[in-house]
Amino acid sequence: MSVDLTSIAASVGVGGVAGFVIGYAIKKILKIVLVIVGLFLAALAYLASQGVISVNWDKINSASTSALVGIQNATMGATPEAANQVMMALANIGIPLTGSFAAAFALGFMKG
């Protein structure tokens, strides 16, 4: 049985570079979105304290709670068929590509 090291090295390299870049970009975009949301909520709180607007904080709290519950249900409700599809994708794409992508994604996300 012969192993083609060139294709494995290329797969690891491409997966590593792509994972790092995507992880880095996601963290940067997430930071920008969180700053914008924080500034928006701070502006709402300031305008409410000045009496310019009236904010129903209970309604905002219930809307954000229901959104978080919906996200949790969507991510935790994976079916066995989804797990089978992930395993098939790993088998078809290759463990070196997905492994290097995952490791580099985590590194890029930490550095971002």
PDB file of N, CA and C in Angstrom:
ATOM      1  N   MET A   1       0.850  -1.174   0.000  1.00  0.00           N
ATOM      2  CA  MET A   1       0.000   0.000   0.000  1.00  0.00           C
ATOM      3  C   MET A   1       0.891   1.232   0.000  1.00  0.00           C
ATOM      4  N   SER A   2       0.679   2.072  -0.958  1.00  0.00           N
ATOM      5  CA  SER A   2       1.496   3.274  -1.107  1.00  0.00           C
ATOM      6  C   SER A   2       0.700   4.499  -0.674  1.00  0.00           C
ATOM      7  N   VAL A   3       1.355   5.368   0.068  1.00  0.00           N
ATOM      8  CA  VAL A   3       0.717   6.578   0.568  1.00  0.00           C
ATOM      9  C   VAL A   3       1.306   7.753  -0.189  1.00  0.00           C
ATOM     10  N   ASP A   4       0.436   8.566  -0.759  1.00  0.00           N
ATOM     11  CA  ASP A   4       0.885   9.742  -1.495  1.00  0.00           C
ATOM     12  C   ASP A   4       1.033  10.904  -0.516  1.00  0.00           C
ATOM     13  N   LEU A   5       2.246  11.155  -0.061  1.00  0.00           N
ATOM     14  CA  LEU A   5       2.493  12.206   0.934  1.00  0.00           C
ATOM     15  C   LEU A   5       2.250  13.601   0.374  1.00  0.00           C
ATOM     16  N   THR A   6       2.400  13.767  -0.929  1.00  0.00           N
ATOM     17  CA  THR A   6       2.182  15.086  -1.524  1.00  0.00           C
ATOM     18  C   THR A   6       0.732  15.517  -1.389  1.00  0.00           C
ATOM     19  N   SER A   7      -0.189  14.614  -1.670  1.00  0.00           N
ATOM     20  CA  SER A   7      -1.601  14.982  -1.567  1.00  0.00           C
ATOM     21  C   SER A   7      -2.013  15.192  -0.111  1.00  0.00           C
ATOM     22  N   ILE A   8      -1.440  14.407   0.801  1.00  0.00           N
ATOM     23  CA  ILE A   8      -1.751  14.592   2.222  1.00  0.00           C
ATOM     24  C   ILE A   8      -1.216  15.937   2.706  1.00  0.00           C
ATOM     25  N   ALA A   9       0.003  16.286   2.301  1.00  0.00           N
ATOM     26  CA  ALA A   9       0.590  17.570   2.704  1.00  0.00           C
ATOM     27  C   ALA A   9      -0.211  18.736   2.128  1.00  0.00           C
ATOM     28  N   ALA A  10      -0.635  18.606   0.874  1.00  0.00           N
ATOM     29  CA  ALA A  10      -1.445  19.667   0.264  1.00  0.00           C
ATOM     30  C   ALA A  10      -2.778  19.804   0.982  1.00  0.00           C
ATOM     31  N   SER A  11      -3.382  18.680   1.326  1.00  0.00           N
ATOM     32  CA  SER A  11      -4.659  18.699   2.031  1.00  0.00           C
ATOM     33  C   SER A  11      -4.521  19.356   3.398  1.00  0.00           C
ATOM     34  N   VAL A  12      -3.463  19.002   4.131  1.00  0.00           N
ATOM     35  CA  VAL A  12      -3.224  19.587   5.450  1.00  0.00           C
ATOM     36  C   VAL A  12      -2.935  21.082   5.315  1.00  0.00           C
ATOM     37  N   GLY A  13      -2.157  21.457   4.318  1.00  0.00           N
ATOM     38  CA  GLY A  13      -1.818  22.874   4.124  1.00  0.00           C
ATOM     39  C   GLY A  13      -3.019  23.717   3.776  1.00  0.00           C
ATOM     40  N   VAL A  14      -3.806  23.236   2.832  1.00  0.00           N
ATOM     41  CA  VAL A  14      -5.001  23.990   2.423  1.00  0.00           C
ATOM     42  C   VAL A  14      -5.992  24.074   3.577  1.00  0.00           C
ATOM     43  N   GLY A  15      -6.215  22.978   4.254  1.00  0.00           N
ATOM     44  CA  GLY A  15      -7.140  22.980   5.394  1.00  0.00           C
ATOM     45  C   GLY A  15      -6.657  23.882   6.508  1.00  0.00           C
ATOM     46  N   GLY A  16      -5.361  23.874   6.769  1.00  0.00           N
ATOM     47  CA  GLY A  16      -4.808  24.716   7.825  1.00  0.00           C
ATOM     48  C   GLY A  16      -4.923  26.196   7.519  1.00  0.00           C
ATOM     49  N   VAL A  17      -4.557  26.575   6.305  1.00  0.00           N
ATOM     50  CA  VAL A  17      -4.639  27.996   5.935  1.00  0.00           C
ATOM     51  C   VAL A  17      -6.086  28.466   5.920  1.00  0.00           C
ATOM     52  N   ALA A  18      -6.967  27.672   5.312  1.00  0.00           N
ATOM     53  CA  ALA A  18      -8.379  28.059   5.249  1.00  0.00           C
ATOM     54  C   ALA A  18      -8.991  28.130   6.650  1.00  0.00           C
ATOM     55  N   GLY A  19      -8.670  27.178   7.497  1.00  0.00           N
ATOM     56  CA  GLY A  19      -9.210  27.192   8.856  1.00  0.00           C
ATOM     57  C   GLY A  19      -8.753  28.399   9.645  1.00  0.00           C
ATOM     58  N   PHE A  20      -7.462  28.745   9.548  1.00  0.00           N
ATOM     59  CA  PHE A  20      -6.946  29.897  10.278  1.00  0.00           C
ATOM     60  C   PHE A  20      -7.600  31.185   9.804  1.00  0.00           C
ATOM     61  N   VAL A  21      -7.689  31.364   8.497  1.00  0.00           N
ATOM     62  CA  VAL A  21      -8.270  32.597   7.940  1.00  0.00           C
ATOM     63  C   VAL A  21      -9.740  32.727   8.323  1.00  0.00           C
ATOM     64  N   ILE A  22     -10.482  31.644   8.212  1.00  0.00           N
ATOM     65  CA  ILE A  22     -11.913  31.696   8.539  1.00  0.00           C
ATOM     66  C   ILE A  22     -12.116  31.932  10.034  1.00  0.00           C
ATOM     67  N   GLY A  23     -11.357  31.262  10.888  1.00  0.00           N
ATOM     68  CA  GLY A  23     -11.476  31.472  12.329  1.00  0.00           C
ATOM     69  C   GLY A  23     -11.139  32.895  12.724  1.00  0.00           C
ATOM     70  N   TYR A  24     -10.074  33.441  12.154  1.00  0.00           N
ATOM     71  CA  TYR A  24      -9.651  34.811  12.434  1.00  0.00           C
ATOM     72  C   TYR A  24     -10.734  35.804  12.001  1.00  0.00           C
ATOM     73  N   ALA A  25     -11.274  35.608  10.790  1.00  0.00           N
ATOM     74  CA  ALA A  25     -12.292  36.525  10.267  1.00  0.00           C
ATOM     75  C   ALA A  25     -13.578  36.461  11.082  1.00  0.00           C
ATOM     76  N   ILE A  26     -13.989  35.265  11.472  1.00  0.00           N
ATOM     77  CA  ILE A  26     -15.225  35.133  12.253  1.00  0.00           C
ATOM     78  C   ILE A  26     -15.100  35.857  13.585  1.00  0.00           C
ATOM     79  N   LYS A  27     -13.948  35.738  14.233  1.00  0.00           N
ATOM     80  CA  LYS A  27     -13.788  36.409  15.522  1.00  0.00           C
ATOM     81  C   LYS A  27     -13.802  37.920  15.346  1.00  0.00           C
ATOM     82  N   LYS A  28     -13.157  38.437  14.303  1.00  0.00           N
ATOM     83  CA  LYS A  28     -13.157  39.884  14.062  1.00  0.00           C
ATOM     84  C   LYS A  28     -14.576  40.387  13.774  1.00  0.00           C
ATOM     85  N   ILE A  29     -15.313  39.666  12.945  1.00  0.00           N
ATOM     86  CA  ILE A  29     -16.690  40.070  12.631  1.00  0.00           C
ATOM     87  C   ILE A  29     -17.558  40.003  13.876  1.00  0.00           C
ATOM     88  N   LEU A  30     -17.373  38.974  14.691  1.00  0.00           N
ATOM     89  CA  LEU A  30     -18.142  38.836  15.929  1.00  0.00           C
ATOM     90  C   LEU A  30     -17.869  39.999  16.877  1.00  0.00           C
ATOM     91  N   LYS A  31     -16.626  40.425  16.967  1.00  0.00           N
ATOM     92  CA  LYS A  31     -16.293  41.568  17.825  1.00  0.00           C
ATOM     93  C   LYS A  31     -16.985  42.835  17.335  1.00  0.00           C
ATOM     94  N   ILE A  32     -16.973  43.067  16.033  1.00  0.00           N
ATOM     95  CA  ILE A  32     -17.603  44.269  15.470  1.00  0.00           C
ATOM     96  C   ILE A  32     -19.109  44.250  15.734  1.00  0.00           C
ATOM     97  N   VAL A  33     -19.744  43.103  15.524  1.00  0.00           N
ATOM     98  CA  VAL A  33     -21.194  42.992  15.751  1.00  0.00           C
ATOM     99  C   VAL A  33     -21.523  43.236  17.218  1.00  0.00           C
ATOM    100  N   LEU A  34     -20.731  42.669  18.129  1.00  0.00           N
ATOM    101  CA  LEU A  34     -21.007  42.855  19.554  1.00  0.00           C
ATOM    102  C   LEU A  34     -20.805  44.306  19.988  1.00  0.00           C
ATOM    103  N   VAL A  35     -19.837  45.003  19.420  1.00  0.00           N
ATOM    104  CA  VAL A  35     -19.646  46.421  19.740  1.00  0.00           C
ATOM    105  C   VAL A  35     -20.846  47.232  19.255  1.00  0.00           C
ATOM    106  N   ILE A  36     -21.321  46.944  18.054  1.00  0.00           N
ATOM    107  CA  ILE A  36     -22.483  47.674  17.521  1.00  0.00           C
ATOM    108  C   ILE A  36     -23.720  47.421  18.376  1.00  0.00           C
ATOM    109  N   VAL A  37     -23.961  46.172  18.762  1.00  0.00           N
ATOM    110  CA  VAL A  37     -25.124  45.856  19.606  1.00  0.00           C
ATOM    111  C   VAL A  37     -24.988  46.536  20.970  1.00  0.00           C
ATOM    112  N   GLY A  38     -23.791  46.516  21.548  1.00  0.00           N
ATOM    113  CA  GLY A  38     -23.568  47.178  22.838  1.00  0.00           C
ATOM    114  C   GLY A  38     -23.803  48.678  22.769  1.00  0.00           C
ATOM    115  N   LEU A  39     -23.315  49.317  21.705  1.00  0.00           N
ATOM    116  CA  LEU A  39     -23.540  50.757  21.541  1.00  0.00           C
ATOM    117  C   LEU A  39     -25.022  51.063  21.359  1.00  0.00           C
ATOM    118  N   PHE A  40     -25.729  50.211  20.628  1.00  0.00           N
ATOM    119  CA  PHE A  40     -27.161  50.410  20.425  1.00  0.00           C
ATOM    120  C   PHE A  40     -27.914  50.314  21.748  1.00  0.00           C
ATOM    121  N   LEU A  41     -27.589  49.294  22.547  1.00  0.00           N
ATOM    122  CA  LEU A  41     -28.262  49.154  23.843  1.00  0.00           C
ATOM    123  C   LEU A  41     -27.891  50.294  24.792  1.00  0.00           C
ATOM    124  N   ALA A  42     -26.649  50.753  24.740  1.00  0.00           N
ATOM    125  CA  ALA A  42     -26.246  51.888  25.574  1.00  0.00           C
ATOM    126  C   ALA A  42     -26.994  53.148  25.155  1.00  0.00           C
ATOM    127  N   ALA A  43     -27.169  53.345  23.857  1.00  0.00           N
ATOM    128  CA  ALA A  43     -27.917  54.502  23.370  1.00  0.00           C
ATOM    129  C   ALA A  43     -29.380  54.420  23.808  1.00  0.00           C
ATOM    130  N   LEU A  44     -29.961  53.235  23.744  1.00  0.00           N
ATOM    131  CA  LEU A  44     -31.342  53.070  24.215  1.00  0.00           C
ATOM    132  C   LEU A  44     -31.454  53.402  25.701  1.00  0.00           C
ATOM    133  N   ALA A  45     -30.512  52.901  26.495  1.00  0.00           N
ATOM    134  CA  ALA A  45     -30.544  53.155  27.941  1.00  0.00           C
ATOM    135  C   ALA A  45     -30.380  54.647  28.226  1.00  0.00           C
ATOM    136  N   TYR A  46     -29.493  55.313  27.498  1.00  0.00           N
ATOM    137  CA  TYR A  46     -29.289  56.745  27.709  1.00  0.00           C
ATOM    138  C   TYR A  46     -30.534  57.542  27.335  1.00  0.00           C
ATOM    139  N   LEU A  47     -31.109  57.239  26.169  1.00  0.00           N
ATOM    140  CA  LEU A  47     -32.307  57.965  25.740  1.00  0.00           C
ATOM    141  C   LEU A  47     -33.483  57.702  26.675  1.00  0.00           C
ATOM    142  N   ALA A  48     -33.568  56.490  27.219  1.00  0.00           N
ATOM    143  CA  ALA A  48     -34.630  56.183  28.177  1.00  0.00           C
ATOM    144  C   ALA A  48     -34.413  56.942  29.476  1.00  0.00           C
ATOM    145  N   SER A  49     -33.144  57.067  29.913  1.00  0.00           N
ATOM    146  CA  SER A  49     -32.881  57.781  31.168  1.00  0.00           C
ATOM    147  C   SER A  49     -33.134  59.282  31.023  1.00  0.00           C
ATOM    148  N   GLN A  50     -32.991  59.799  29.820  1.00  0.00           N
ATOM    149  CA  GLN A  50     -33.248  61.223  29.574  1.00  0.00           C
ATOM    150  C   GLN A  50     -34.721  61.519  29.316  1.00  0.00           C
ATOM    151  N   GLY A  51     -35.531  60.470  29.194  1.00  0.00           N
ATOM    152  CA  GLY A  51     -36.958  60.649  28.978  1.00  0.00           C
ATOM    153  C   GLY A  51     -37.324  60.900  27.524  1.00  0.00           C
ATOM    154  N   VAL A  52     -36.390  60.719  26.623  1.00  0.00           N
ATOM    155  CA  VAL A  52     -36.662  60.939  25.207  1.00  0.00           C
ATOM    156  C   VAL A  52     -37.525  59.814  24.648  1.00  0.00           C
ATOM    157  N   ILE A  53     -37.224  58.595  25.072  1.00  0.00           N
ATOM    158  CA  ILE A  53     -38.000  57.441  24.620  1.00  0.00           C
ATOM    159  C   ILE A  53     -38.398  56.615  25.834  1.00  0.00           C
ATOM    160  N   SER A  54     -39.371  55.751  25.618  1.00  0.00           N
ATOM    161  CA  SER A  54     -39.783  54.816  26.656  1.00  0.00           C
ATOM    162  C   SER A  54     -39.491  53.404  26.144  1.00  0.00           C
ATOM    163  N   VAL A  55     -38.678  52.666  26.890  1.00  0.00           N
ATOM    164  CA  VAL A  55     -38.260  51.335  26.466  1.00  0.00           C
ATOM    165  C   VAL A  55     -38.916  50.302  27.370  1.00  0.00           C
ATOM    166  N   ASN A  56     -39.555  49.319  26.763  1.00  0.00           N
ATOM    167  CA  ASN A  56     -40.142  48.210  27.505  1.00  0.00           C
ATOM    168  C   ASN A  56     -39.065  47.127  27.634  1.00  0.00           C
ATOM    169  N   TRP A  57     -38.271  47.188  28.723  1.00  0.00           N
ATOM    170  CA  TRP A  57     -37.145  46.276  28.910  1.00  0.00           C
ATOM    171  C   TRP A  57     -37.599  44.844  29.107  1.00  0.00           C
ATOM    172  N   ASP A  58     -38.807  44.662  29.664  1.00  0.00           N
ATOM    173  CA  ASP A  58     -39.323  43.303  29.830  1.00  0.00           C
ATOM    174  C   ASP A  58     -39.559  42.643  28.477  1.00  0.00           C
ATOM    175  N   LYS A  59     -40.061  43.418  27.525  1.00  0.00           N
ATOM    176  CA  LYS A  59     -40.307  42.892  26.172  1.00  0.00           C
ATOM    177  C   LYS A  59     -38.980  42.552  25.491  1.00  0.00           C
ATOM    178  N   ILE A  60     -37.969  43.404  25.659  1.00  0.00           N
ATOM    179  CA  ILE A  60     -36.651  43.133  25.081  1.00  0.00           C
ATOM    180  C   ILE A  60     -36.047  41.882  25.711  1.00  0.00           C
ATOM    181  N   ASN A  61     -36.199  41.739  27.016  1.00  0.00           N
ATOM    182  CA  ASN A  61     -35.677  40.563  27.705  1.00  0.00           C
ATOM    183  C   ASN A  61     -36.349  39.288  27.215  1.00  0.00           C
ATOM    184  N   SER A  62     -37.668  39.306  27.078  1.00  0.00           N
ATOM    185  CA  SER A  62     -38.366  38.100  26.623  1.00  0.00           C
ATOM    186  C   SER A  62     -38.027  37.776  25.169  1.00  0.00           C
ATOM    187  N   ALA A  63     -37.847  38.800  24.329  1.00  0.00           N
ATOM    188  CA  ALA A  63     -37.483  38.551  22.932  1.00  0.00           C
ATOM    189  C   ALA A  63     -36.083  37.958  22.821  1.00  0.00           C
ATOM    190  N   SER A  64     -35.149  38.477  23.615  1.00  0.00           N
ATOM    191  CA  SER A  64     -33.788  37.942  23.547  1.00  0.00           C
ATOM    192  C   SER A  64     -33.728  36.531  24.129  1.00  0.00           C
ATOM    193  N   THR A  65     -34.513  36.272  25.170  1.00  0.00           N
ATOM    194  CA  THR A  65     -34.541  34.930  25.749  1.00  0.00           C
ATOM    195  C   THR A  65     -35.112  33.928  24.760  1.00  0.00           C
ATOM    196  N   SER A  66     -36.192  34.298  24.090  1.00  0.00           N
ATOM    197  CA  SER A  66     -36.780  33.359  23.126  1.00  0.00           C
ATOM    198  C   SER A  66     -35.849  33.142  21.938  1.00  0.00           C
ATOM    199  N   ALA A  67     -35.097  34.165  21.540  1.00  0.00           N
ATOM    200  CA  ALA A  67     -34.138  33.993  20.446  1.00  0.00           C
ATOM    201  C   ALA A  67     -33.023  33.036  20.861  1.00  0.00           C
ATOM    202  N   LEU A  68     -32.529  33.174  22.086  1.00  0.00           N
ATOM    203  CA  LEU A  68     -31.466  32.281  22.557  1.00  0.00           C
ATOM    204  C   LEU A  68     -31.956  30.843  22.696  1.00  0.00           C
ATOM    205  N   VAL A  69     -33.194  30.675  23.143  1.00  0.00           N
ATOM    206  CA  VAL A  69     -33.763  29.323  23.252  1.00  0.00           C
ATOM    207  C   VAL A  69     -33.918  28.719  21.859  1.00  0.00           C
ATOM    208  N   GLY A  70     -34.335  29.515  20.890  1.00  0.00           N
ATOM    209  CA  GLY A  70     -34.451  29.018  19.518  1.00  0.00           C
ATOM    210  C   GLY A  70     -33.113  28.597  18.945  1.00  0.00           C
ATOM    211  N   ILE A  71     -32.081  29.376  19.213  1.00  0.00           N
ATOM    212  CA  ILE A  71     -30.739  29.014  18.741  1.00  0.00           C
ATOM    213  C   ILE A  71     -30.269  27.729  19.411  1.00  0.00           C
ATOM    214  N   GLN A  72     -30.530  27.610  20.719  1.00  0.00           N
ATOM    215  CA  GLN A  72     -30.121  26.407  21.440  1.00  0.00           C
ATOM    216  C   GLN A  72     -30.839  25.178  20.901  1.00  0.00           C
ATOM    217  N   ASN A  73     -32.134  25.307  20.634  1.00  0.00           N
ATOM    218  CA  ASN A  73     -32.894  24.172  20.109  1.00  0.00           C
ATOM    219  C   ASN A  73     -32.407  23.789  18.721  1.00  0.00           C
ATOM    220  N   ALA A  74     -32.032  24.779  17.921  1.00  0.00           N
ATOM    221  CA  ALA A  74     -31.563  24.484  16.565  1.00  0.00           C
ATOM    222  C   ALA A  74     -30.225  23.762  16.582  1.00  0.00           C
ATOM    223  N   THR A  75     -29.353  24.130  17.520  1.00  0.00           N
ATOM    224  CA  THR A  75     -28.033  23.501  17.545  1.00  0.00           C
ATOM    225  C   THR A  75     -28.035  22.167  18.269  1.00  0.00           C
ATOM    226  N   MET A  76     -28.885  21.995  19.267  1.00  0.00           N
ATOM    227  CA  MET A  76     -28.891  20.763  20.044  1.00  0.00           C
ATOM    228  C   MET A  76     -29.796  19.692  19.437  1.00  0.00           C
ATOM    229  N   GLY A  77     -30.676  20.074  18.554  1.00  0.00           N
ATOM    230  CA  GLY A  77     -31.636  19.119  18.002  1.00  0.00           C
ATOM    231  C   GLY A  77     -31.139  18.406  16.770  1.00  0.00           C
ATOM    232  N   ALA A  78     -29.851  18.090  16.705  1.00  0.00           N
ATOM    233  CA  ALA A  78     -29.313  17.373  15.546  1.00  0.00           C
ATOM    234  C   ALA A  78     -29.850  15.945  15.521  1.00  0.00           C
ATOM    235  N   THR A  79     -30.198  15.507  14.348  1.00  0.00           N
ATOM    236  CA  THR A  79     -30.747  14.163  14.188  1.00  0.00           C
ATOM    237  C   THR A  79     -29.625  13.170  13.899  1.00  0.00           C
ATOM    238  N   PRO A  80     -29.893  11.896  14.071  1.00  0.00           N
ATOM    239  CA  PRO A  80     -28.866  10.895  13.720  1.00  0.00           C
ATOM    240  C   PRO A  80     -28.480  10.951  12.246  1.00  0.00           C
ATOM    241  N   GLU A  81     -29.429  11.355  11.385  1.00  0.00           N
ATOM    242  CA  GLU A  81     -29.091  11.469   9.965  1.00  0.00           C
ATOM    243  C   GLU A  81     -28.043  12.545   9.745  1.00  0.00           C
ATOM    244  N   ALA A  82     -28.117  13.631  10.521  1.00  0.00           N
ATOM    245  CA  ALA A  82     -27.113  14.689  10.393  1.00  0.00           C
ATOM    246  C   ALA A  82     -25.740  14.169  10.794  1.00  0.00           C
ATOM    247  N   ALA A  83     -25.683  13.360  11.840  1.00  0.00           N
ATOM    248  CA  ALA A  83     -24.404  12.776  12.254  1.00  0.00           C
ATOM    249  C   ALA A  83     -23.863  11.860  11.172  1.00  0.00           C
ATOM    250  N   ASN A  84     -24.742  11.095  10.524  1.00  0.00           N
ATOM    251  CA  ASN A  84     -24.298  10.228   9.434  1.00  0.00           C
ATOM    252  C   ASN A  84     -23.771  11.041   8.261  1.00  0.00           C
ATOM    253  N   GLN A  85     -24.421  12.163   7.965  1.00  0.00           N
ATOM    254  CA  GLN A  85     -23.962  13.012   6.870  1.00  0.00           C
ATOM    255  C   GLN A  85     -22.598  13.615   7.184  1.00  0.00           C
ATOM    256  N   VAL A  86     -22.376  13.992   8.447  1.00  0.00           N
ATOM    257  CA  VAL A  86     -21.074  14.540   8.831  1.00  0.00           C
ATOM    258  C   VAL A  86     -20.004  13.470   8.680  1.00  0.00           C
ATOM    259  N   MET A  87     -20.295  12.255   9.105  1.00  0.00           N
ATOM    260  CA  MET A  87     -19.309  11.176   8.979  1.00  0.00           C
ATOM    261  C   MET A  87     -19.011  10.861   7.518  1.00  0.00           C
ATOM    262  N   MET A  88     -20.027  10.908   6.662  1.00  0.00           N
ATOM    263  CA  MET A  88     -19.803  10.672   5.238  1.00  0.00           C
ATOM    264  C   MET A  88     -18.940  11.777   4.642  1.00  0.00           C
ATOM    265  N   ALA A  89     -19.178  13.024   5.058  1.00  0.00           N
ATOM    266  CA  ALA A  89     -18.380  14.139   4.554  1.00  0.00           C
ATOM    267  C   ALA A  89     -16.932  14.002   5.002  1.00  0.00           C
ATOM    268  N   LEU A  90     -16.719  13.598   6.254  1.00  0.00           N
ATOM    269  CA  LEU A  90     -15.350  13.397   6.734  1.00  0.00           C
ATOM    270  C   LEU A  90     -14.650  12.289   5.956  1.00  0.00           C
ATOM    271  N   ALA A  91     -15.391  11.249   5.651  1.00  0.00           N
ATOM    272  CA  ALA A  91     -14.788  10.136   4.916  1.00  0.00           C
ATOM    273  C   ALA A  91     -14.461  10.540   3.488  1.00  0.00           C
ATOM    274  N   ASN A  92     -15.323  11.354   2.869  1.00  0.00           N
ATOM    275  CA  ASN A  92     -15.099  11.761   1.485  1.00  0.00           C
ATOM    276  C   ASN A  92     -14.049  12.865   1.367  1.00  0.00           C
ATOM    277  N   ILE A  93     -14.046  13.805   2.287  1.00  0.00           N
ATOM    278  CA  ILE A  93     -13.099  14.922   2.213  1.00  0.00           C
ATOM    279  C   ILE A  93     -11.741  14.481   2.701  1.00  0.00           C
ATOM    280  N   GLY A  94     -11.712  13.727   3.748  1.00  0.00           N
ATOM    281  CA  GLY A  94     -10.449  13.246   4.269  1.00  0.00           C
ATOM    282  C   GLY A  94     -10.170  13.804   5.643  1.00  0.00           C
ATOM    283  N   ILE A  95      -9.656  12.951   6.487  1.00  0.00           N
ATOM    284  CA  ILE A  95      -9.339  13.330   7.859  1.00  0.00           C
ATOM    285  C   ILE A  95      -8.233  14.390   7.910  1.00  0.00           C
ATOM    286  N   PRO A  96      -7.181  14.325   7.079  1.00  0.00           N
ATOM    287  CA  PRO A  96      -6.138  15.358   7.178  1.00  0.00           C
ATOM    288  C   PRO A  96      -6.674  16.768   6.929  1.00  0.00           C
ATOM    289  N   LEU A  97      -7.550  16.909   5.939  1.00  0.00           N
ATOM    290  CA  LEU A  97      -8.104  18.229   5.627  1.00  0.00           C
ATOM    291  C   LEU A  97      -8.958  18.739   6.774  1.00  0.00           C
ATOM    292  N   THR A  98      -9.887  17.924   7.258  1.00  0.00           N
ATOM    293  CA  THR A  98     -10.796  18.388   8.303  1.00  0.00           C
ATOM    294  C   THR A  98     -10.075  18.571   9.637  1.00  0.00           C
ATOM    295  N   GLY A  99      -9.125  17.704   9.918  1.00  0.00           N
ATOM    296  CA  GLY A  99      -8.369  17.841  11.168  1.00  0.00           C
ATOM    297  C   GLY A  99      -7.531  19.097  11.196  1.00  0.00           C
ATOM    298  N   SER A 100      -6.829  19.373  10.098  1.00  0.00           N
ATOM    299  CA  SER A 100      -6.004  20.579  10.049  1.00  0.00           C
ATOM    300  C   SER A 100      -6.878  21.822  10.017  1.00  0.00           C
ATOM    301  N   PHE A 101      -8.032  21.736   9.352  1.00  0.00           N
ATOM    302  CA  PHE A 101      -8.950  22.867   9.315  1.00  0.00           C
ATOM    303  C   PHE A 101      -9.444  23.187  10.719  1.00  0.00           C
ATOM    304  N   ALA A 102      -9.850  22.170  11.468  1.00  0.00           N
ATOM    305  CA  ALA A 102     -10.387  22.388  12.814  1.00  0.00           C
ATOM    306  C   ALA A 102      -9.328  22.966  13.745  1.00  0.00           C
ATOM    307  N   ALA A 103      -8.125  22.420  13.693  1.00  0.00           N
ATOM    308  CA  ALA A 103      -7.061  22.920  14.562  1.00  0.00           C
ATOM    309  C   ALA A 103      -6.687  24.349  14.207  1.00  0.00           C
ATOM    310  N   ALA A 104      -6.561  24.638  12.927  1.00  0.00           N
ATOM    311  CA  ALA A 104      -6.199  25.990  12.513  1.00  0.00           C
ATOM    312  C   ALA A 104      -7.339  26.970  12.760  1.00  0.00           C
ATOM    313  N   PHE A 105      -8.594  26.515  12.635  1.00  0.00           N
ATOM    314  CA  PHE A 105      -9.735  27.373  12.934  1.00  0.00           C
ATOM    315  C   PHE A 105      -9.687  27.810  14.397  1.00  0.00           C
ATOM    316  N   ALA A 106      -9.416  26.863  15.288  1.00  0.00           N
ATOM    317  CA  ALA A 106      -9.337  27.189  16.712  1.00  0.00           C
ATOM    318  C   ALA A 106      -8.194  28.159  16.968  1.00  0.00           C
ATOM    319  N   LEU A 107      -7.057  27.956  16.323  1.00  0.00           N
ATOM    320  CA  LEU A 107      -5.921  28.850  16.482  1.00  0.00           C
ATOM    321  C   LEU A 107      -6.240  30.245  15.946  1.00  0.00           C
ATOM    322  N   GLY A 108      -6.849  30.314  14.771  1.00  0.00           N
ATOM    323  CA  GLY A 108      -7.236  31.593  14.198  1.00  0.00           C
ATOM    324  C   GLY A 108      -8.268  32.322  15.038  1.00  0.00           C
ATOM    325  N   PHE A 109      -9.196  31.582  15.617  1.00  0.00           N
ATOM    326  CA  PHE A 109     -10.220  32.193  16.457  1.00  0.00           C
ATOM    327  C   PHE A 109      -9.594  32.749  17.729  1.00  0.00           C
ATOM    328  N   MET A 110      -8.601  32.046  18.284  1.00  0.00           N
ATOM    329  CA  MET A 110      -7.922  32.533  19.492  1.00  0.00           C
ATOM    330  C   MET A 110      -7.087  33.762  19.187  1.00  0.00           C
ATOM    331  N   LYS A 111      -6.461  33.807  18.028  1.00  0.00           N
ATOM    332  CA  LYS A 111      -5.583  34.931  17.680  1.00  0.00           C
ATOM    333  C   LYS A 111      -6.374  36.153  17.207  1.00  0.00           C
ATOM    334  N   GLY A 112      -7.599  35.956  16.740  1.00  0.00           N
ATOM    335  CA  GLY A 112      -8.394  37.031  16.159  1.00  0.00           C
ATOM    336  C   GLY A 112      -8.799  38.103  17.057  1.00  0.00           C
TER     337      GLY A 112
END
